[in-house]
N, C-alpha and C. Protein backbone atom coordinates (compact mmCIF):
# COMPACT_ATOMS: atom_id res chain seq x y z
N MET A 1 -14.29 -2.96 -10.01
CA MET A 1 -13.39 -3.11 -8.88
C MET A 1 -11.99 -3.43 -9.40
N ILE A 2 -11.02 -2.73 -8.85
CA ILE A 2 -9.63 -3.07 -9.17
C ILE A 2 -8.91 -3.42 -7.87
N LYS A 3 -7.91 -4.25 -8.01
CA LYS A 3 -7.08 -4.63 -6.87
C LYS A 3 -5.69 -4.06 -7.12
N ARG A 4 -5.10 -3.56 -6.06
CA ARG A 4 -3.80 -2.90 -6.16
C ARG A 4 -2.81 -3.64 -5.27
N ILE A 5 -1.68 -4.00 -5.84
CA ILE A 5 -0.61 -4.68 -5.13
C ILE A 5 0.61 -3.77 -5.19
N VAL A 6 1.16 -3.44 -4.04
CA VAL A 6 2.37 -2.60 -4.00
C VAL A 6 3.42 -3.36 -3.20
N LYS A 7 4.55 -3.60 -3.86
CA LYS A 7 5.68 -4.30 -3.23
C LYS A 7 6.68 -3.25 -2.77
N MET A 8 7.05 -3.33 -1.49
CA MET A 8 7.99 -2.37 -0.92
C MET A 8 9.11 -3.12 -0.22
N THR A 9 10.35 -2.83 -0.61
CA THR A 9 11.52 -3.43 0.02
C THR A 9 12.18 -2.37 0.88
N PHE A 10 12.23 -2.64 2.17
CA PHE A 10 12.75 -1.67 3.14
C PHE A 10 14.15 -2.05 3.60
N ARG A 11 14.88 -1.05 4.04
CA ARG A 11 16.10 -1.33 4.77
C ARG A 11 15.67 -2.09 6.03
N GLU A 12 16.40 -3.11 6.40
CA GLU A 12 15.97 -3.95 7.52
C GLU A 12 15.69 -3.15 8.78
N GLU A 13 16.54 -2.19 9.08
CA GLU A 13 16.36 -1.41 10.30
C GLU A 13 15.18 -0.44 10.21
N ALA A 14 14.65 -0.23 9.00
CA ALA A 14 13.56 0.72 8.79
C ALA A 14 12.17 0.07 8.88
N VAL A 15 12.11 -1.25 8.94
CA VAL A 15 10.81 -1.94 8.96
C VAL A 15 9.95 -1.49 10.16
N PRO A 16 10.48 -1.42 11.38
CA PRO A 16 9.63 -0.97 12.48
C PRO A 16 9.06 0.44 12.25
N GLY A 17 9.84 1.32 11.64
CA GLY A 17 9.33 2.66 11.34
C GLY A 17 8.18 2.62 10.35
N PHE A 18 8.30 1.76 9.34
CA PHE A 18 7.19 1.63 8.39
C PHE A 18 5.95 1.07 9.07
N LEU A 19 6.12 0.08 9.93
CA LEU A 19 4.96 -0.51 10.61
C LEU A 19 4.24 0.55 11.45
N GLU A 20 4.97 1.47 12.03
CA GLU A 20 4.34 2.58 12.77
C GLU A 20 3.55 3.48 11.82
N ILE A 21 4.14 3.80 10.68
CA ILE A 21 3.46 4.63 9.68
C ILE A 21 2.17 3.95 9.23
N PHE A 22 2.25 2.64 8.96
CA PHE A 22 1.07 1.90 8.50
C PHE A 22 -0.01 1.90 9.57
N GLU A 23 0.37 1.66 10.82
CA GLU A 23 -0.62 1.65 11.91
C GLU A 23 -1.32 3.00 12.02
N GLU A 24 -0.58 4.08 11.84
CA GLU A 24 -1.16 5.42 11.94
C GLU A 24 -2.12 5.74 10.80
N SER A 25 -1.85 5.18 9.62
CA SER A 25 -2.61 5.58 8.44
C SER A 25 -3.63 4.56 7.94
N LYS A 26 -3.57 3.32 8.38
CA LYS A 26 -4.43 2.28 7.79
C LYS A 26 -5.92 2.59 7.94
N GLY A 27 -6.32 3.09 9.08
CA GLY A 27 -7.74 3.40 9.28
C GLY A 27 -8.21 4.51 8.35
N LYS A 28 -7.37 5.50 8.14
CA LYS A 28 -7.72 6.61 7.24
C LYS A 28 -7.80 6.13 5.79
N ILE A 29 -6.87 5.26 5.42
CA ILE A 29 -6.88 4.73 4.04
C ILE A 29 -8.13 3.87 3.84
N ARG A 30 -8.42 3.00 4.80
CA ARG A 30 -9.61 2.14 4.69
C ARG A 30 -10.89 2.94 4.62
N ALA A 31 -10.89 4.12 5.26
CA ALA A 31 -12.08 4.98 5.26
C ALA A 31 -12.14 5.90 4.04
N PHE A 32 -11.09 5.91 3.23
CA PHE A 32 -11.07 6.80 2.07
C PHE A 32 -12.15 6.36 1.07
N GLU A 33 -12.86 7.32 0.54
CA GLU A 33 -13.94 7.00 -0.40
C GLU A 33 -13.42 6.17 -1.57
N GLY A 34 -14.05 5.02 -1.79
CA GLY A 34 -13.68 4.14 -2.89
C GLY A 34 -12.79 2.99 -2.48
N CYS A 35 -12.24 3.01 -1.26
CA CYS A 35 -11.42 1.90 -0.78
C CYS A 35 -12.33 0.88 -0.11
N HIS A 36 -12.23 -0.37 -0.56
CA HIS A 36 -13.08 -1.43 -0.02
C HIS A 36 -12.30 -2.43 0.83
N HIS A 37 -10.97 -2.38 0.75
CA HIS A 37 -10.17 -3.37 1.48
C HIS A 37 -8.72 -2.91 1.48
N LEU A 38 -8.03 -3.14 2.59
CA LEU A 38 -6.59 -2.87 2.67
C LEU A 38 -5.99 -3.85 3.65
N GLU A 39 -4.93 -4.52 3.22
CA GLU A 39 -4.20 -5.38 4.14
C GLU A 39 -2.71 -5.25 3.88
N LEU A 40 -1.92 -5.62 4.88
CA LEU A 40 -0.48 -5.58 4.79
C LEU A 40 0.04 -7.01 4.86
N LEU A 41 0.90 -7.35 3.93
CA LEU A 41 1.48 -8.70 3.86
C LEU A 41 3.00 -8.59 3.97
N ARG A 42 3.63 -9.65 4.48
CA ARG A 42 5.08 -9.65 4.62
C ARG A 42 5.66 -10.90 3.98
N GLY A 43 6.79 -10.74 3.31
CA GLY A 43 7.46 -11.87 2.69
C GLY A 43 7.90 -12.89 3.73
N VAL A 44 7.67 -14.16 3.47
CA VAL A 44 8.02 -15.23 4.40
C VAL A 44 9.54 -15.33 4.52
N ASP A 45 10.23 -15.34 3.40
CA ASP A 45 11.68 -15.51 3.40
C ASP A 45 12.43 -14.18 3.39
N GLN A 46 11.71 -13.09 3.20
CA GLN A 46 12.31 -11.77 3.19
C GLN A 46 11.47 -10.84 4.06
N PRO A 47 11.71 -10.82 5.36
CA PRO A 47 10.85 -10.03 6.25
C PRO A 47 10.93 -8.52 6.05
N ASN A 48 11.88 -8.07 5.25
CA ASN A 48 11.95 -6.63 4.95
C ASN A 48 11.19 -6.27 3.67
N VAL A 49 10.52 -7.26 3.07
CA VAL A 49 9.69 -7.03 1.88
C VAL A 49 8.23 -7.12 2.32
N LEU A 50 7.53 -6.00 2.16
CA LEU A 50 6.12 -5.93 2.54
C LEU A 50 5.28 -5.52 1.34
N PHE A 51 4.04 -5.92 1.36
CA PHE A 51 3.11 -5.64 0.27
C PHE A 51 1.84 -5.04 0.86
N THR A 52 1.29 -4.06 0.19
CA THR A 52 -0.08 -3.67 0.50
C THR A 52 -0.95 -4.27 -0.59
N PHE A 53 -2.11 -4.74 -0.17
CA PHE A 53 -3.08 -5.34 -1.08
C PHE A 53 -4.39 -4.62 -0.80
N SER A 54 -4.86 -3.87 -1.79
CA SER A 54 -6.06 -3.07 -1.57
C SER A 54 -7.04 -3.24 -2.72
N PHE A 55 -8.31 -3.02 -2.42
CA PHE A 55 -9.39 -3.10 -3.40
C PHE A 55 -9.98 -1.70 -3.52
N TRP A 56 -10.16 -1.25 -4.76
CA TRP A 56 -10.69 0.09 -5.03
C TRP A 56 -11.90 -0.02 -5.94
N GLU A 57 -12.85 0.88 -5.74
CA GLU A 57 -14.07 0.90 -6.53
C GLU A 57 -13.76 0.92 -8.03
N ASP A 58 -12.84 1.78 -8.41
CA ASP A 58 -12.42 1.89 -9.81
C ASP A 58 -11.13 2.70 -9.86
N GLU A 59 -10.60 2.89 -11.05
CA GLU A 59 -9.35 3.63 -11.21
C GLU A 59 -9.49 5.08 -10.77
N LYS A 60 -10.65 5.67 -10.96
CA LYS A 60 -10.87 7.04 -10.53
C LYS A 60 -10.73 7.18 -9.02
N ALA A 61 -11.27 6.22 -8.27
CA ALA A 61 -11.16 6.25 -6.81
C ALA A 61 -9.70 6.12 -6.39
N LEU A 62 -8.97 5.21 -7.02
CA LEU A 62 -7.56 5.05 -6.71
C LEU A 62 -6.79 6.33 -7.05
N ASP A 63 -7.09 6.94 -8.18
CA ASP A 63 -6.42 8.18 -8.56
C ASP A 63 -6.72 9.31 -7.58
N ARG A 64 -7.97 9.39 -7.11
CA ARG A 64 -8.31 10.41 -6.10
C ARG A 64 -7.48 10.21 -4.84
N TYR A 65 -7.33 8.97 -4.43
CA TYR A 65 -6.50 8.67 -3.26
C TYR A 65 -5.05 9.07 -3.52
N ARG A 66 -4.53 8.71 -4.68
CA ARG A 66 -3.13 9.00 -4.99
C ARG A 66 -2.84 10.49 -5.11
N GLN A 67 -3.88 11.29 -5.34
CA GLN A 67 -3.73 12.75 -5.41
C GLN A 67 -3.99 13.43 -4.07
N SER A 68 -4.38 12.64 -3.06
CA SER A 68 -4.78 13.21 -1.77
C SER A 68 -3.58 13.55 -0.89
N ALA A 69 -3.81 14.46 0.05
CA ALA A 69 -2.79 14.80 1.04
C ALA A 69 -2.44 13.58 1.89
N LEU A 70 -3.43 12.74 2.17
CA LEU A 70 -3.18 11.52 2.95
C LEU A 70 -2.13 10.66 2.27
N PHE A 71 -2.32 10.38 0.98
CA PHE A 71 -1.35 9.56 0.25
C PHE A 71 0.01 10.25 0.19
N LYS A 72 0.02 11.51 -0.19
CA LYS A 72 1.30 12.21 -0.37
C LYS A 72 2.10 12.24 0.92
N ASN A 73 1.45 12.49 2.04
CA ASN A 73 2.14 12.52 3.33
C ASN A 73 2.65 11.13 3.72
N THR A 74 1.78 10.13 3.58
CA THR A 74 2.16 8.76 3.95
C THR A 74 3.27 8.24 3.05
N TRP A 75 3.15 8.49 1.76
CA TRP A 75 4.14 7.98 0.80
C TRP A 75 5.49 8.65 1.00
N GLU A 76 5.50 9.93 1.30
CA GLU A 76 6.76 10.64 1.51
C GLU A 76 7.54 10.01 2.68
N LYS A 77 6.84 9.74 3.78
CA LYS A 77 7.48 9.11 4.94
C LYS A 77 7.94 7.68 4.62
N THR A 78 7.10 6.96 3.90
CA THR A 78 7.39 5.56 3.57
C THR A 78 8.57 5.45 2.62
N LYS A 79 8.56 6.26 1.59
CA LYS A 79 9.59 6.20 0.54
C LYS A 79 10.99 6.41 1.11
N ALA A 80 11.10 7.20 2.15
CA ALA A 80 12.41 7.48 2.76
C ALA A 80 13.02 6.23 3.41
N LEU A 81 12.24 5.19 3.61
CA LEU A 81 12.70 3.98 4.28
C LEU A 81 13.08 2.85 3.32
N PHE A 82 12.88 3.06 2.03
CA PHE A 82 13.10 1.99 1.04
C PHE A 82 14.58 1.64 0.86
N ALA A 83 14.81 0.35 0.61
CA ALA A 83 16.12 -0.13 0.17
C ALA A 83 16.13 -0.22 -1.36
N GLU A 84 14.96 -0.38 -1.95
CA GLU A 84 14.79 -0.48 -3.41
C GLU A 84 13.53 0.29 -3.79
N ARG A 85 13.44 0.62 -5.05
CA ARG A 85 12.26 1.31 -5.54
C ARG A 85 11.04 0.39 -5.44
N ALA A 86 9.92 0.96 -5.05
CA ALA A 86 8.67 0.18 -4.94
C ALA A 86 8.18 -0.24 -6.33
N GLU A 87 7.43 -1.32 -6.35
CA GLU A 87 6.77 -1.78 -7.57
C GLU A 87 5.28 -1.86 -7.28
N ALA A 88 4.46 -1.55 -8.29
CA ALA A 88 3.01 -1.56 -8.07
C ALA A 88 2.29 -2.06 -9.31
N TRP A 89 1.19 -2.76 -9.05
CA TRP A 89 0.34 -3.28 -10.11
C TRP A 89 -1.11 -3.05 -9.77
N SER A 90 -1.88 -2.65 -10.76
CA SER A 90 -3.34 -2.59 -10.64
C SER A 90 -3.87 -3.72 -11.50
N VAL A 91 -4.73 -4.55 -10.93
CA VAL A 91 -5.23 -5.73 -11.64
C VAL A 91 -6.74 -5.84 -11.48
N ARG A 92 -7.34 -6.55 -12.42
CA ARG A 92 -8.75 -6.91 -12.35
C ARG A 92 -8.86 -8.42 -12.28
N VAL A 93 -9.87 -8.90 -11.60
CA VAL A 93 -10.10 -10.34 -11.50
C VAL A 93 -10.64 -10.82 -12.83
N GLU A 94 -9.99 -11.80 -13.41
CA GLU A 94 -10.43 -12.40 -14.67
C GLU A 94 -11.24 -13.67 -14.44
N SER A 95 -10.92 -14.38 -13.39
CA SER A 95 -11.62 -15.63 -13.12
C SER A 95 -11.64 -15.84 -11.61
N GLU A 96 -12.78 -16.15 -11.08
CA GLU A 96 -12.92 -16.39 -9.64
C GLU A 96 -13.00 -17.89 -9.40
N PRO A 97 -12.64 -18.33 -8.20
CA PRO A 97 -12.68 -19.77 -7.89
C PRO A 97 -14.09 -20.32 -7.95
């Protein structure tokens, strides 16, 4: 299992547009083979900074998603709203509570 964190900084006026895109696509992403979890987080002090936090079966599942029409279409719409380039990390749990 890998966990994926994507930080996205939007133009302030573009945040509502992104929230619409996320609402339209979240169910499809959650249903994508290999996706076990997806949530959207927002910065407390920076409401135009949002994060997706997702769990994937493995790197192959994440790569299949990233090569899919679903990802390409969603990312193209999302990327147009950025104020800064997105940052992303794939991580594995090293120690659990």
